[in-house]
């Protein structure tokens, strides 16, 4: 949804306005990162092209984007409160919206779907693999199928839709404004590699 069709911030109750809008922005950016990640690193052909073009550079890009997606998913699925206070997470939003039908069930499903991602963060994220190479990434994580990430994003969107629809009647989801895509980059690299004399 384009930005100018998103619900007016003043339609949301003051108690959830800032949090709801922040989570909407976070989810939109996360969805876009996931699309770009799949376009860049999801196929053998793209991985080979990036490896041949600038292996070390794209290895760092792949690792950085993958870690960012993992950490973003974990932040969004954090509990509403820890020793540090409130977190801008879906649990925090739902804690303020208990009157929204089915929203607690949606949160439970979302957090359960995020379980393998959270386990990976706790177990493996802080450990570097010195022998890592740029390979096609059919999976974000060894034990997390792309359909699981799609499910997580849909469940998160479902929570936002339920809260926004209950409060304002609008659909909160939109695609962030951007120019160019990862698919455009892959296309341009292919064109450059196909030039005579390269």
Protein backbone atom coordinates (compact mmCIF):
# COMPACT_ATOMS: atom_id res chain seq x y z
CA UNK A 1 0.00 0.00 0.00
CA UNK A 2 1.44 3.43 -0.84
CA UNK A 3 2.20 5.72 2.04
CA UNK A 4 -0.59 8.17 1.23
CA UNK A 5 -3.22 5.44 1.65
CA UNK A 6 -2.09 4.31 5.10
CA UNK A 7 -4.35 5.03 8.08
CA UNK A 8 -4.12 8.50 9.59
CA UNK A 9 -2.07 8.44 12.79
CA UNK A 10 -4.78 10.45 14.57
CA UNK A 11 -7.28 7.61 14.07
CA UNK A 12 -5.34 5.37 16.45
CA UNK A 13 -5.88 5.71 20.19
CA UNK A 14 -3.15 7.80 21.85
CA UNK A 15 -2.05 4.86 24.02
CA UNK A 16 -0.98 2.73 21.06
CA UNK A 17 -0.41 5.31 18.31
CA UNK A 18 3.38 5.65 18.46
CA UNK A 19 3.96 1.95 19.10
CA UNK A 20 1.56 0.82 16.37
CA UNK A 21 3.09 3.14 13.79
CA UNK A 22 6.63 2.14 14.77
CA UNK A 23 5.83 -1.56 14.46
CA UNK A 24 4.18 -0.89 11.10
CA UNK A 25 7.37 0.81 9.84
CA UNK A 26 9.59 -1.94 11.28
CA UNK A 27 7.52 -4.66 9.64
CA UNK A 28 7.48 -2.87 6.27
CA UNK A 29 11.27 -2.52 6.31
CA UNK A 30 11.72 -6.13 7.42
CA UNK A 31 9.49 -7.36 4.62
CA UNK A 32 11.51 -5.38 2.08
CA UNK A 33 14.82 -6.74 3.45
CA UNK A 34 13.46 -10.27 3.16
CA UNK A 35 12.47 -9.68 -0.48
CA UNK A 36 15.92 -8.26 -1.28
CA UNK A 37 17.66 -11.08 0.57
CA UNK A 38 15.80 -13.71 -1.43
CA UNK A 39 16.47 -11.89 -4.71
CA UNK A 40 20.20 -11.62 -4.01
CA UNK A 41 21.01 -14.88 -2.31
CA UNK A 42 18.11 -17.24 -2.99
CA UNK A 43 19.29 -18.84 -6.21
CA UNK A 44 22.41 -20.65 -7.35
CA UNK A 45 22.71 -18.38 -10.39
CA UNK A 46 22.61 -15.16 -8.34
CA UNK A 47 25.02 -16.52 -5.73
CA UNK A 48 27.50 -17.52 -8.45
CA UNK A 49 27.23 -14.09 -10.10
CA UNK A 50 27.83 -12.26 -6.82
CA UNK A 51 30.66 -14.62 -5.94
CA UNK A 52 32.34 -13.99 -9.30
CA UNK A 53 31.82 -10.21 -9.06
CA UNK A 54 33.01 -9.39 -5.54
CA UNK A 55 33.00 -12.43 -3.28
CA UNK A 56 34.27 -10.87 -0.04
CA UNK A 57 32.02 -7.82 -0.37
CA UNK A 58 28.85 -9.80 -1.02
CA UNK A 59 29.72 -12.33 1.69
CA UNK A 60 29.69 -9.43 4.17
CA UNK A 61 26.46 -8.06 2.69
CA UNK A 62 24.79 -11.50 2.93
CA UNK A 63 25.88 -12.01 6.52
CA UNK A 64 24.87 -8.49 7.56
CA UNK A 65 21.41 -8.65 6.01
CA UNK A 66 20.79 -12.18 7.32
CA UNK A 67 21.78 -11.17 10.86
CA UNK A 68 19.69 -8.01 10.64
CA UNK A 69 16.61 -10.00 9.58
CA UNK A 70 17.14 -12.48 12.42
CA UNK A 71 17.61 -9.76 15.03
CA UNK A 72 14.62 -7.79 13.71
CA UNK A 73 12.37 -10.86 13.94
CA UNK A 74 13.59 -11.52 17.47
CA UNK A 75 13.03 -7.91 18.57
CA UNK A 76 9.48 -7.95 17.21
CA UNK A 77 8.78 -11.21 19.05
CA UNK A 78 10.33 -10.10 22.36
CA UNK A 79 8.19 -10.21 25.50
CA UNK A 80 6.47 -6.96 26.39
CA UNK A 81 8.58 -6.36 29.50
CA UNK A 82 11.99 -7.33 30.77
CA UNK A 83 14.24 -5.83 33.43
CA UNK A 84 14.90 -2.93 31.08
CA UNK A 85 11.22 -1.95 30.77
CA UNK A 86 8.82 -2.01 27.83
CA UNK A 87 10.02 -3.20 24.41
CA UNK A 88 8.55 -2.01 21.09
CA UNK A 89 7.34 -5.52 20.26
CA UNK A 90 4.08 -7.12 19.20
CA UNK A 91 3.62 -8.46 22.73
CA UNK A 92 3.74 -4.88 24.05
CA UNK A 93 1.16 -3.78 21.49
CA UNK A 94 -1.14 -6.69 22.28
CA UNK A 95 -0.83 -5.99 26.02
CA UNK A 96 -2.50 -2.62 25.29
CA UNK A 97 -5.13 -4.10 22.96
CA UNK A 98 -6.71 -6.99 24.83
CA UNK A 99 -10.17 -5.93 23.63
CA UNK A 100 -9.23 -6.64 19.99
CA UNK A 101 -10.80 -9.94 18.88
CA UNK A 102 -8.34 -12.83 18.30
CA UNK A 103 -5.28 -10.63 18.77
CA UNK A 104 -3.86 -12.76 21.61
CA UNK A 105 -4.24 -15.91 19.48
CA UNK A 106 -2.42 -14.16 16.62
CA UNK A 107 0.38 -13.15 18.99
CA UNK A 108 0.72 -16.71 20.30
CA UNK A 109 0.99 -18.08 16.75
CA UNK A 110 3.48 -15.36 15.77
CA UNK A 111 5.73 -16.03 18.78
CA UNK A 112 5.58 -19.79 18.21
CA UNK A 113 6.55 -19.34 14.55
CA UNK A 114 9.52 -17.18 15.65
CA UNK A 115 10.76 -19.92 18.01
CA UNK A 116 13.39 -21.45 15.67
CA UNK A 117 14.71 -18.01 14.76
CA UNK A 118 15.04 -17.05 18.43
CA UNK A 119 16.79 -20.35 19.22
CA UNK A 120 19.26 -19.72 16.40
CA UNK A 121 19.98 -16.22 17.72
CA UNK A 122 20.66 -17.54 21.21
CA UNK A 123 22.72 -20.51 20.05
CA UNK A 124 24.60 -19.47 16.93
CA UNK A 125 24.43 -15.82 15.97
CA UNK A 126 27.45 -14.72 17.98
CA UNK A 127 29.73 -17.36 16.48
CA UNK A 128 31.56 -16.70 13.20
CA UNK A 129 32.36 -19.44 10.73
CA UNK A 130 35.84 -18.70 9.30
CA UNK A 131 35.22 -21.13 6.42
CA UNK A 132 31.92 -19.55 5.30
CA UNK A 133 31.54 -19.05 1.56
CA UNK A 134 28.92 -17.31 -0.53
CA UNK A 135 26.41 -20.01 -1.37
CA UNK A 136 22.81 -19.87 -2.55
CA UNK A 137 20.63 -19.42 0.49
CA UNK A 138 17.44 -21.35 0.06
CA UNK A 139 17.02 -21.05 3.83
CA UNK A 140 17.66 -18.03 6.02
CA UNK A 141 18.86 -20.47 8.70
CA UNK A 142 19.80 -24.14 8.48
CA UNK A 143 16.53 -25.26 10.10
CA UNK A 144 14.18 -22.46 8.99
CA UNK A 145 12.46 -22.89 5.64
CA UNK A 146 11.56 -19.72 3.66
CA UNK A 147 7.89 -20.58 4.11
CA UNK A 148 8.41 -20.16 7.88
CA UNK A 149 9.68 -16.60 7.36
CA UNK A 150 6.72 -15.88 5.08
CA UNK A 151 4.41 -17.26 7.79
CA UNK A 152 6.04 -15.06 10.44
CA UNK A 153 5.62 -11.95 8.29
CA UNK A 154 1.98 -12.82 7.57
CA UNK A 155 1.23 -13.41 11.26
CA UNK A 156 2.87 -10.10 12.21
CA UNK A 157 0.81 -8.38 9.53
CA UNK A 158 -2.30 -10.07 10.89
CA UNK A 159 -1.67 -8.63 14.35
CA UNK A 160 -1.28 -5.12 12.93
CA UNK A 161 -4.36 -5.49 10.74
CA UNK A 162 -6.46 -6.63 13.70
CA UNK A 163 -5.33 -3.74 15.90
CA UNK A 164 -5.60 -1.06 13.22
CA UNK A 165 -8.97 -2.33 11.95
CA UNK A 166 -10.36 -2.33 15.49
CA UNK A 167 -9.06 1.18 16.14
CA UNK A 168 -9.29 2.98 12.82
CA UNK A 169 -10.81 0.78 10.16
CA UNK A 170 -7.69 1.13 8.00
CA UNK A 171 -5.17 -1.36 6.65
CA UNK A 172 -1.76 -0.56 8.15
CA UNK A 173 0.41 -2.49 5.72
CA UNK A 174 2.24 -0.75 2.94
CA UNK A 175 5.40 -1.07 0.91
CA UNK A 176 8.09 1.46 1.83
CA UNK A 177 9.03 3.89 -0.90
CA UNK A 178 12.23 2.82 -2.64
CA UNK A 179 13.90 2.92 -6.02
CA UNK A 180 15.73 -0.03 -7.47
CA UNK A 181 15.69 -3.54 -6.14
CA UNK A 182 18.03 -6.41 -5.55
CA UNK A 183 16.66 -7.99 -8.73
CA UNK A 184 17.71 -4.83 -10.61
CA UNK A 185 21.24 -5.18 -9.23
CA UNK A 186 21.44 -8.83 -10.34
CA UNK A 187 20.16 -7.86 -13.80
CA UNK A 188 22.75 -5.09 -14.19
CA UNK A 189 25.57 -7.36 -13.05
CA UNK A 190 24.48 -9.97 -15.61
CA UNK A 191 24.46 -7.32 -18.33
CA UNK A 192 27.94 -6.12 -17.31
CA UNK A 193 29.32 -9.66 -17.30
CA UNK A 194 27.83 -10.36 -20.74
CA UNK A 195 29.61 -7.41 -22.37
CA UNK A 196 32.19 -8.41 -24.98
CA UNK A 197 35.78 -8.20 -23.77
CA UNK A 198 34.97 -8.64 -20.10
